[in-house]
């Protein structure tokens, strides 16, 4: 599966594409789905990172080689409050 981020906005949408033993073609994106929203904040630089589980560490998961579950990080910007953090876990389904 892959993901594509949208323009700078107060919500984050991702396009998920099923890939079976072939490279992702940029024109294969599906309709975006809202996955995160934080009223009053500008959301920037989303990323998916592996969990810190024993299994993820053992098989050396990275942001390019995720398992079924991943941490969702995003930079939240608001006057007087600027933080890059993970509040959610995303689980992928086939």
PDB file of N, CA and C in Angstrom:
ATOM      1  N   UNK A   1       0.837  -1.175   0.000  1.00  0.00           N
ATOM      2  CA  UNK A   1       0.000   0.000   0.000  1.00  0.00           C
ATOM      3  C   UNK A   1       0.878   1.232   0.000  1.00  0.00           C
ATOM      4  N   UNK A   2       0.384   2.285  -0.555  1.00  0.00           N
ATOM      5  CA  UNK A   2       1.116   3.530  -0.576  1.00  0.00           C
ATOM      6  C   UNK A   2       0.223   4.641  -0.074  1.00  0.00           C
ATOM      7  N   UNK A   3       0.802   5.817   0.112  1.00  0.00           N
ATOM      8  CA  UNK A   3      -0.013   6.950   0.484  1.00  0.00           C
ATOM      9  C   UNK A   3       0.519   8.196  -0.185  1.00  0.00           C
ATOM     10  N   UNK A   4      -0.334   9.149  -0.371  1.00  0.00           N
ATOM     11  CA  UNK A   4       0.013  10.401  -1.021  1.00  0.00           C
ATOM     12  C   UNK A   4      -0.587  11.515  -0.186  1.00  0.00           C
ATOM     13  N   UNK A   5       0.200  12.504   0.156  1.00  0.00           N
ATOM     14  CA  UNK A   5      -0.320  13.596   0.957  1.00  0.00           C
ATOM     15  C   UNK A   5      -0.903  14.671   0.062  1.00  0.00           C
ATOM     16  N   UNK A   6      -1.817  15.431   0.600  1.00  0.00           N
ATOM     17  CA  UNK A   6      -2.471  16.490  -0.136  1.00  0.00           C
ATOM     18  C   UNK A   6      -1.833  17.826   0.246  1.00  0.00           C
ATOM     19  N   UNK A   7      -2.289  18.922  -0.329  1.00  0.00           N
ATOM     20  CA  UNK A   7      -1.737  20.247  -0.041  1.00  0.00           C
ATOM     21  C   UNK A   7      -1.902  20.624   1.427  1.00  0.00           C
ATOM     22  N   UNK A   8      -1.174  21.660   1.863  1.00  0.00           N
ATOM     23  CA  UNK A   8      -1.220  22.139   3.246  1.00  0.00           C
ATOM     24  C   UNK A   8      -2.653  22.524   3.597  1.00  0.00           C
ATOM     25  N   UNK A   9      -3.166  21.949   4.663  1.00  0.00           N
ATOM     26  CA  UNK A   9      -4.566  22.124   4.999  1.00  0.00           C
ATOM     27  C   UNK A   9      -4.767  21.870   6.485  1.00  0.00           C
ATOM     28  N   UNK A  10      -5.982  22.063   6.958  1.00  0.00           N
ATOM     29  CA  UNK A  10      -6.293  21.773   8.355  1.00  0.00           C
ATOM     30  C   UNK A  10      -6.767  20.340   8.531  1.00  0.00           C
ATOM     31  N   UNK A  11      -6.875  19.598   7.455  1.00  0.00           N
ATOM     32  CA  UNK A  11      -7.219  18.181   7.521  1.00  0.00           C
ATOM     33  C   UNK A  11      -6.188  17.415   6.711  1.00  0.00           C
ATOM     34  N   UNK A  12      -6.072  16.143   6.962  1.00  0.00           N
ATOM     35  CA  UNK A  12      -5.146  15.317   6.200  1.00  0.00           C
ATOM     36  C   UNK A  12      -5.932  14.185   5.565  1.00  0.00           C
ATOM     37  N   UNK A  13      -5.735  14.024   4.267  1.00  0.00           N
ATOM     38  CA  UNK A  13      -6.371  12.954   3.526  1.00  0.00           C
ATOM     39  C   UNK A  13      -5.284  12.112   2.882  1.00  0.00           C
ATOM     40  N   UNK A  14      -5.533  10.829   2.747  1.00  0.00           N
ATOM     41  CA  UNK A  14      -4.573   9.938   2.108  1.00  0.00           C
ATOM     42  C   UNK A  14      -5.261   9.133   1.030  1.00  0.00           C
ATOM     43  N   UNK A  15      -4.531   8.843  -0.017  1.00  0.00           N
ATOM     44  CA  UNK A  15      -4.999   7.962  -1.071  1.00  0.00           C
ATOM     45  C   UNK A  15      -4.278   6.634  -0.883  1.00  0.00           C
ATOM     46  N   UNK A  16      -5.018   5.568  -0.731  1.00  0.00           N
ATOM     47  CA  UNK A  16      -4.418   4.257  -0.530  1.00  0.00           C
ATOM     48  C   UNK A  16      -4.563   3.430  -1.798  1.00  0.00           C
ATOM     49  N   UNK A  17      -3.492   2.766  -2.199  1.00  0.00           N
ATOM     50  CA  UNK A  17      -3.470   1.985  -3.426  1.00  0.00           C
ATOM     51  C   UNK A  17      -2.938   0.595  -3.104  1.00  0.00           C
ATOM     52  N   UNK A  18      -3.622  -0.429  -3.566  1.00  0.00           N
ATOM     53  CA  UNK A  18      -3.144  -1.797  -3.380  1.00  0.00           C
ATOM     54  C   UNK A  18      -2.101  -2.089  -4.448  1.00  0.00           C
ATOM     55  N   UNK A  19      -0.963  -2.598  -4.029  1.00  0.00           N
ATOM     56  CA  UNK A  19       0.129  -2.898  -4.952  1.00  0.00           C
ATOM     57  C   UNK A  19       0.519  -4.355  -4.772  1.00  0.00           C
ATOM     58  N   UNK A  20       0.533  -5.098  -5.867  1.00  0.00           N
ATOM     59  CA  UNK A  20       0.907  -6.514  -5.802  1.00  0.00           C
ATOM     60  C   UNK A  20       2.098  -6.754  -6.717  1.00  0.00           C
ATOM     61  N   UNK A  21       3.291  -6.811  -6.141  1.00  0.00           N
ATOM     62  CA  UNK A  21       4.527  -7.138  -6.868  1.00  0.00           C
ATOM     63  C   UNK A  21       4.775  -6.260  -8.075  1.00  0.00           C
ATOM     64  N   UNK A  22       4.395  -4.990  -8.021  1.00  0.00           N
ATOM     65  CA  UNK A  22       4.724  -4.081  -9.109  1.00  0.00           C
ATOM     66  C   UNK A  22       4.834  -2.666  -8.545  1.00  0.00           C
ATOM     67  N   UNK A  23       5.596  -1.811  -9.208  1.00  0.00           N
ATOM     68  CA  UNK A  23       5.754  -0.440  -8.710  1.00  0.00           C
ATOM     69  C   UNK A  23       4.437   0.332  -8.752  1.00  0.00           C
ATOM     70  N   UNK A  24       4.320   1.306  -7.870  1.00  0.00           N
ATOM     71  CA  UNK A  24       3.145   2.170  -7.851  1.00  0.00           C
ATOM     72  C   UNK A  24       3.234   3.129  -9.031  1.00  0.00           C
ATOM     73  N   UNK A  25       2.182   3.217  -9.801  1.00  0.00           N
ATOM     74  CA  UNK A  25       2.107   4.206 -10.858  1.00  0.00           C
ATOM     75  C   UNK A  25       1.357   5.402 -10.292  1.00  0.00           C
ATOM     76  N   UNK A  26       1.873   6.601 -10.488  1.00  0.00           N
ATOM     77  CA  UNK A  26       1.308   7.779  -9.839  1.00  0.00           C
ATOM     78  C   UNK A  26      -0.131   8.051 -10.217  1.00  0.00           C
ATOM     79  N   UNK A  27      -0.621   7.517 -11.315  1.00  0.00           N
ATOM     80  CA  UNK A  27      -1.993   7.771 -11.738  1.00  0.00           C
ATOM     81  C   UNK A  27      -2.992   6.776 -11.154  1.00  0.00           C
ATOM     82  N   UNK A  28      -2.561   5.847 -10.310  1.00  0.00           N
ATOM     83  CA  UNK A  28      -3.436   4.828  -9.742  1.00  0.00           C
ATOM     84  C   UNK A  28      -4.080   5.228  -8.417  1.00  0.00           C
ATOM     85  N   UNK A  29      -3.999   6.478  -8.028  1.00  0.00           N
ATOM     86  CA  UNK A  29      -4.524   6.882  -6.735  1.00  0.00           C
ATOM     87  C   UNK A  29      -6.041   6.777  -6.689  1.00  0.00           C
ATOM     88  N   UNK A  30      -6.538   6.363  -5.553  1.00  0.00           N
ATOM     89  CA  UNK A  30      -7.973   6.281  -5.325  1.00  0.00           C
ATOM     90  C   UNK A  30      -8.470   7.612  -4.761  1.00  0.00           C
ATOM     91  N   UNK A  31      -9.764   7.724  -4.551  1.00  0.00           N
ATOM     92  CA  UNK A  31     -10.340   8.938  -3.974  1.00  0.00           C
ATOM     93  C   UNK A  31      -9.785   9.129  -2.553  1.00  0.00           C
ATOM     94  N   UNK A  32      -9.341  10.341  -2.190  1.00  0.00           N
ATOM     95  CA  UNK A  32      -8.800  10.579  -0.838  1.00  0.00           C
ATOM     96  C   UNK A  32      -9.828  10.285   0.251  1.00  0.00           C
ATOM     97  N   UNK A  33      -9.326   9.834   1.403  1.00  0.00           N
ATOM     98  CA  UNK A  33     -10.172   9.579   2.562  1.00  0.00           C
ATOM     99  C   UNK A  33      -9.637  10.404   3.722  1.00  0.00           C
ATOM    100  N   UNK A  34     -10.513  11.076   4.446  1.00  0.00           N
ATOM    101  CA  UNK A  34     -10.109  11.858   5.598  1.00  0.00           C
ATOM    102  C   UNK A  34      -9.644  10.907   6.700  1.00  0.00           C
ATOM    103  N   UNK A  35      -8.425  11.105   7.201  1.00  0.00           N
ATOM    104  CA  UNK A  35      -7.922  10.246   8.274  1.00  0.00           C
ATOM    105  C   UNK A  35      -7.604  11.019   9.549  1.00  0.00           C
ATOM    106  N   UNK A  36      -7.463  12.348   9.458  1.00  0.00           N
ATOM    107  CA  UNK A  36      -7.129  13.111  10.657  1.00  0.00           C
ATOM    108  C   UNK A  36      -7.529  14.567  10.482  1.00  0.00           C
ATOM    109  N   UNK A  37      -8.009  15.153  11.540  1.00  0.00           N
ATOM    110  CA  UNK A  37      -8.415  16.557  11.513  1.00  0.00           C
ATOM    111  C   UNK A  37      -8.246  17.101  12.928  1.00  0.00           C
ATOM    112  N   UNK A  38      -7.718  18.290  13.063  1.00  0.00           N
ATOM    113  CA  UNK A  38      -7.545  18.914  14.377  1.00  0.00           C
ATOM    114  C   UNK A  38      -7.946  20.380  14.257  1.00  0.00           C
ATOM    115  N   UNK A  39      -9.171  20.715  14.637  1.00  0.00           N
ATOM    116  CA  UNK A  39      -9.665  22.090  14.505  1.00  0.00           C
ATOM    117  C   UNK A  39      -8.740  23.111  15.166  1.00  0.00           C
ATOM    118  N   UNK A  40      -8.522  24.229  14.466  1.00  0.00           N
ATOM    119  CA  UNK A  40      -7.694  25.308  15.002  1.00  0.00           C
ATOM    120  C   UNK A  40      -6.219  25.168  14.697  1.00  0.00           C
ATOM    121  N   UNK A  41      -5.796  24.048  14.122  1.00  0.00           N
ATOM    122  CA  UNK A  41      -4.390  23.813  13.808  1.00  0.00           C
ATOM    123  C   UNK A  41      -4.184  23.698  12.305  1.00  0.00           C
ATOM    124  N   UNK A  42      -3.003  24.064  11.852  1.00  0.00           N
ATOM    125  CA  UNK A  42      -2.570  23.754  10.496  1.00  0.00           C
ATOM    126  C   UNK A  42      -1.781  22.461  10.611  1.00  0.00           C
ATOM    127  N   UNK A  43      -2.104  21.489   9.796  1.00  0.00           N
ATOM    128  CA  UNK A  43      -1.437  20.191   9.840  1.00  0.00           C
ATOM    129  C   UNK A  43      -0.454  20.105   8.688  1.00  0.00           C
ATOM    130  N   UNK A  44       0.765  19.646   8.994  1.00  0.00           N
ATOM    131  CA  UNK A  44       1.816  19.666   8.000  1.00  0.00           C
ATOM    132  C   UNK A  44       2.725  18.456   8.179  1.00  0.00           C
ATOM    133  N   UNK A  45       3.277  17.969   7.118  1.00  0.00           N
ATOM    134  CA  UNK A  45       4.288  16.925   7.080  1.00  0.00           C
ATOM    135  C   UNK A  45       3.831  15.622   7.745  1.00  0.00           C
ATOM    136  N   UNK A  46       2.775  15.004   7.232  1.00  0.00           N
ATOM    137  CA  UNK A  46       2.350  13.716   7.795  1.00  0.00           C
ATOM    138  C   UNK A  46       3.309  12.599   7.404  1.00  0.00           C
ATOM    139  N   UNK A  47       3.453  11.626   8.263  1.00  0.00           N
ATOM    140  CA  UNK A  47       4.271  10.456   7.918  1.00  0.00           C
ATOM    141  C   UNK A  47       3.776   9.237   8.690  1.00  0.00           C
ATOM    142  N   UNK A  48       4.041   8.077   8.131  1.00  0.00           N
ATOM    143  CA  UNK A  48       3.740   6.810   8.792  1.00  0.00           C
ATOM    144  C   UNK A  48       5.063   6.187   9.195  1.00  0.00           C
ATOM    145  N   UNK A  49       5.141   5.722  10.432  1.00  0.00           N
ATOM    146  CA  UNK A  49       6.364   5.117  10.968  1.00  0.00           C
ATOM    147  C   UNK A  49       6.008   3.783  11.617  1.00  0.00           C
ATOM    148  N   UNK A  50       6.948   2.827  11.612  1.00  0.00           N
ATOM    149  CA  UNK A  50       6.666   1.541  12.262  1.00  0.00           C
ATOM    150  C   UNK A  50       6.478   1.719  13.766  1.00  0.00           C
ATOM    151  N   UNK A  51       5.804   0.757  14.369  1.00  0.00           N
ATOM    152  CA  UNK A  51       5.637   0.743  15.823  1.00  0.00           C
ATOM    153  C   UNK A  51       6.963   0.319  16.451  1.00  0.00           C
ATOM    154  N   UNK A  52       7.107   0.529  17.736  1.00  0.00           N
ATOM    155  CA  UNK A  52       8.324   0.100  18.438  1.00  0.00           C
ATOM    156  C   UNK A  52       8.141  -1.292  19.043  1.00  0.00           C
ATOM    157  N   UNK A  53       7.468  -2.180  18.318  1.00  0.00           N
ATOM    158  CA  UNK A  53       7.256  -3.524  18.847  1.00  0.00           C
ATOM    159  C   UNK A  53       8.494  -4.388  18.601  1.00  0.00           C
ATOM    160  N   UNK A  54       8.604  -5.461  19.353  1.00  0.00           N
ATOM    161  CA  UNK A  54       9.717  -6.394  19.178  1.00  0.00           C
ATOM    162  C   UNK A  54       9.764  -6.927  17.745  1.00  0.00           C
ATOM    163  N   UNK A  55       8.593  -7.264  17.192  1.00  0.00           N
ATOM    164  CA  UNK A  55       8.518  -7.807  15.831  1.00  0.00           C
ATOM    165  C   UNK A  55       8.983  -6.785  14.788  1.00  0.00           C
ATOM    166  N   UNK A  56       8.512  -5.531  14.901  1.00  0.00           N
ATOM    167  CA  UNK A  56       8.915  -4.495  13.937  1.00  0.00           C
ATOM    168  C   UNK A  56      10.422  -4.252  13.983  1.00  0.00           C
ATOM    169  N   UNK A  57      10.994  -4.275  15.174  1.00  0.00           N
ATOM    170  CA  UNK A  57      12.444  -4.084  15.313  1.00  0.00           C
ATOM    171  C   UNK A  57      13.195  -5.283  14.740  1.00  0.00           C
ATOM    172  N   UNK A  58      12.701  -6.491  15.020  1.00  0.00           N
ATOM    173  CA  UNK A  58      13.358  -7.715  14.556  1.00  0.00           C
ATOM    174  C   UNK A  58      13.419  -7.784  13.027  1.00  0.00           C
ATOM    175  N   UNK A  59      12.331  -7.422  12.344  1.00  0.00           N
ATOM    176  CA  UNK A  59      12.307  -7.497  10.877  1.00  0.00           C
ATOM    177  C   UNK A  59      12.713  -6.165  10.227  1.00  0.00           C
ATOM    178  N   UNK A  60      13.199  -5.241  11.069  1.00  0.00           N
ATOM    179  CA  UNK A  60      13.739  -3.950  10.603  1.00  0.00           C
ATOM    180  C   UNK A  60      12.746  -3.158   9.749  1.00  0.00           C
ATOM    181  N   UNK A  61      11.547  -2.985  10.268  1.00  0.00           N
ATOM    182  CA  UNK A  61      10.557  -2.194   9.543  1.00  0.00           C
ATOM    183  C   UNK A  61      10.994  -0.733   9.503  1.00  0.00           C
ATOM    184  N   UNK A  62      10.651  -0.063   8.406  1.00  0.00           N
ATOM    185  CA  UNK A  62      10.951   1.354   8.217  1.00  0.00           C
ATOM    186  C   UNK A  62       9.696   2.041   7.679  1.00  0.00           C
ATOM    187  N   UNK A  63       9.778   3.336   7.435  1.00  0.00           N
ATOM    188  CA  UNK A  63       8.620   4.049   6.881  1.00  0.00           C
ATOM    189  C   UNK A  63       8.320   3.582   5.462  1.00  0.00           C
ATOM    190  N   UNK A  64       9.283   2.967   4.790  1.00  0.00           N
ATOM    191  CA  UNK A  64       9.057   2.431   3.448  1.00  0.00           C
ATOM    192  C   UNK A  64       8.670   0.956   3.469  1.00  0.00           C
ATOM    193  N   UNK A  65       8.814   0.316   4.611  1.00  0.00           N
ATOM    194  CA  UNK A  65       8.505  -1.112   4.759  1.00  0.00           C
ATOM    195  C   UNK A  65       7.711  -1.278   6.056  1.00  0.00           C
ATOM    196  N   UNK A  66       6.417  -0.947   5.974  1.00  0.00           N
ATOM    197  CA  UNK A  66       5.561  -0.995   7.154  1.00  0.00           C
ATOM    198  C   UNK A  66       4.880  -2.342   7.310  1.00  0.00           C
ATOM    199  N   UNK A  67       4.462  -2.642   8.514  1.00  0.00           N
ATOM    200  CA  UNK A  67       3.651  -3.825   8.759  1.00  0.00           C
ATOM    201  C   UNK A  67       2.179  -3.475   8.605  1.00  0.00           C
ATOM    202  N   UNK A  68       1.318  -4.271   9.220  1.00  0.00           N
ATOM    203  CA  UNK A  68      -0.128  -4.036   9.132  1.00  0.00           C
ATOM    204  C   UNK A  68      -0.550  -2.786   9.902  1.00  0.00           C
ATOM    205  N   UNK A  69       0.216  -2.419  10.930  1.00  0.00           N
ATOM    206  CA  UNK A  69      -0.099  -1.243  11.741  1.00  0.00           C
ATOM    207  C   UNK A  69       1.087  -0.278  11.742  1.00  0.00           C
ATOM    208  N   UNK A  70       0.795   1.022  11.792  1.00  0.00           N
ATOM    209  CA  UNK A  70       1.841   2.039  11.794  1.00  0.00           C
ATOM    210  C   UNK A  70       1.411   3.239  12.628  1.00  0.00           C
ATOM    211  N   UNK A  71       2.406   3.956  13.175  1.00  0.00           N
ATOM    212  CA  UNK A  71       2.126   5.196  13.900  1.00  0.00           C
ATOM    213  C   UNK A  71       1.963   6.319  12.877  1.00  0.00           C
ATOM    214  N   UNK A  72       0.976   7.171  13.094  1.00  0.00           N
ATOM    215  CA  UNK A  72       0.732   8.305  12.218  1.00  0.00           C
ATOM    216  C   UNK A  72       1.262   9.556  12.909  1.00  0.00           C
ATOM    217  N   UNK A  73       2.302  10.173  12.333  1.00  0.00           N
ATOM    218  CA  UNK A  73       2.885  11.405  12.861  1.00  0.00           C
ATOM    219  C   UNK A  73       2.447  12.579  12.009  1.00  0.00           C
ATOM    220  N   UNK A  74       2.271  13.738  12.627  1.00  0.00           N
ATOM    221  CA  UNK A  74       1.945  14.957  11.897  1.00  0.00           C
ATOM    222  C   UNK A  74       2.454  16.154  12.701  1.00  0.00           C
ATOM    223  N   UNK A  75       2.914  17.183  11.986  1.00  0.00           N
ATOM    224  CA  UNK A  75       3.309  18.428  12.645  1.00  0.00           C
ATOM    225  C   UNK A  75       2.073  19.293  12.776  1.00  0.00           C
ATOM    226  N   UNK A  76       1.766  19.687  14.019  1.00  0.00           N
ATOM    227  CA  UNK A  76       0.597  20.531  14.294  1.00  0.00           C
ATOM    228  C   UNK A  76       1.099  21.940  14.575  1.00  0.00           C
ATOM    229  N   UNK A  77       0.585  22.902  13.828  1.00  0.00           N
ATOM    230  CA  UNK A  77       1.047  24.281  13.965  1.00  0.00           C
ATOM    231  C   UNK A  77      -0.131  25.170  14.383  1.00  0.00           C
ATOM    232  N   UNK A  78       0.090  25.921  15.449  1.00  0.00           N
ATOM    233  CA  UNK A  78      -0.889  26.883  15.961  1.00  0.00           C
ATOM    234  C   UNK A  78      -0.074  27.964  16.665  1.00  0.00           C
ATOM    235  N   UNK A  79      -0.465  29.212  16.595  1.00  0.00           N
ATOM    236  CA  UNK A  79       0.314  30.241  17.296  1.00  0.00           C
ATOM    237  C   UNK A  79       0.583  29.844  18.753  1.00  0.00           C
ATOM    238  N   UNK A  80       1.853  29.816  19.122  1.00  0.00           N
ATOM    239  CA  UNK A  80       2.234  29.448  20.488  1.00  0.00           C
ATOM    240  C   UNK A  80       2.302  27.953  20.734  1.00  0.00           C
ATOM    241  N   UNK A  81       2.008  27.140  19.740  1.00  0.00           N
ATOM    242  CA  UNK A  81       2.017  25.681  19.908  1.00  0.00           C
ATOM    243  C   UNK A  81       2.443  25.052  18.590  1.00  0.00           C
ATOM    244  N   UNK A  82       3.602  24.421  18.569  1.00  0.00           N
ATOM    245  CA  UNK A  82       4.156  23.826  17.364  1.00  0.00           C
ATOM    246  C   UNK A  82       4.780  22.490  17.762  1.00  0.00           C
ATOM    247  N   UNK A  83       4.171  21.378  17.349  1.00  0.00           N
ATOM    248  CA  UNK A  83       4.637  20.075  17.810  1.00  0.00           C
ATOM    249  C   UNK A  83       4.526  19.036  16.696  1.00  0.00           C
ATOM    250  N   UNK A  84       5.521  18.151  16.627  1.00  0.00           N
ATOM    251  CA  UNK A  84       5.485  17.002  15.717  1.00  0.00           C
ATOM    252  C   UNK A  84       5.267  15.780  16.594  1.00  0.00           C
ATOM    253  N   UNK A  85       4.120  15.139  16.467  1.00  0.00           N
ATOM    254  CA  UNK A  85       3.776  14.062  17.396  1.00  0.00           C
ATOM    255  C   UNK A  85       2.920  12.994  16.747  1.00  0.00           C
ATOM    256  N   UNK A  86       2.817  11.872  17.445  1.00  0.00           N
ATOM    257  CA  UNK A  86       1.971  10.769  17.010  1.00  0.00           C
ATOM    258  C   UNK A  86       0.903  10.539  18.064  1.00  0.00           C
ATOM    259  N   UNK A  87      -0.355  10.686  17.671  1.00  0.00           N
ATOM    260  CA  UNK A  87      -1.475  10.439  18.585  1.00  0.00           C
ATOM    261  C   UNK A  87      -2.278   9.215  18.168  1.00  0.00           C
ATOM    262  N   UNK A  88      -2.020   8.700  16.945  1.00  0.00           N
ATOM    263  CA  UNK A  88      -2.877   7.652  16.404  1.00  0.00           C
ATOM    264  C   UNK A  88      -2.076   6.526  15.763  1.00  0.00           C
ATOM    265  N   UNK A  89      -2.692   5.360  15.720  1.00  0.00           N
ATOM    266  CA  UNK A  89      -2.139   4.206  15.004  1.00  0.00           C
ATOM    267  C   UNK A  89      -3.102   3.894  13.868  1.00  0.00           C
ATOM    268  N   UNK A  90      -2.545   3.680  12.691  1.00  0.00           N
ATOM    269  CA  UNK A  90      -3.349   3.337  11.519  1.00  0.00           C
ATOM    270  C   UNK A  90      -3.147   1.860  11.229  1.00  0.00           C
ATOM    271  N   UNK A  91      -4.253   1.157  10.971  1.00  0.00           N
ATOM    272  CA  UNK A  91      -4.182  -0.265  10.624  1.00  0.00           C
ATOM    273  C   UNK A  91      -4.653  -0.418   9.180  1.00  0.00           C
ATOM    274  N   UNK A  92      -3.841  -1.112   8.382  1.00  0.00           N
ATOM    275  CA  UNK A  92      -4.158  -1.314   6.980  1.00  0.00           C
ATOM    276  C   UNK A  92      -4.976  -2.574   6.800  1.00  0.00           C
ATOM    277  N   UNK A  93      -5.927  -2.526   5.871  1.00  0.00           N
ATOM    278  CA  UNK A  93      -6.747  -3.690   5.529  1.00  0.00           C
ATOM    279  C   UNK A  93      -6.619  -3.953   4.040  1.00  0.00           C
ATOM    280  N   UNK A  94      -6.748  -5.197   3.668  1.00  0.00           N
ATOM    281  CA  UNK A  94      -6.722  -5.541   2.244  1.00  0.00           C
ATOM    282  C   UNK A  94      -8.116  -5.622   1.722  1.00  0.00           C
TER     283      UNK A  94
END
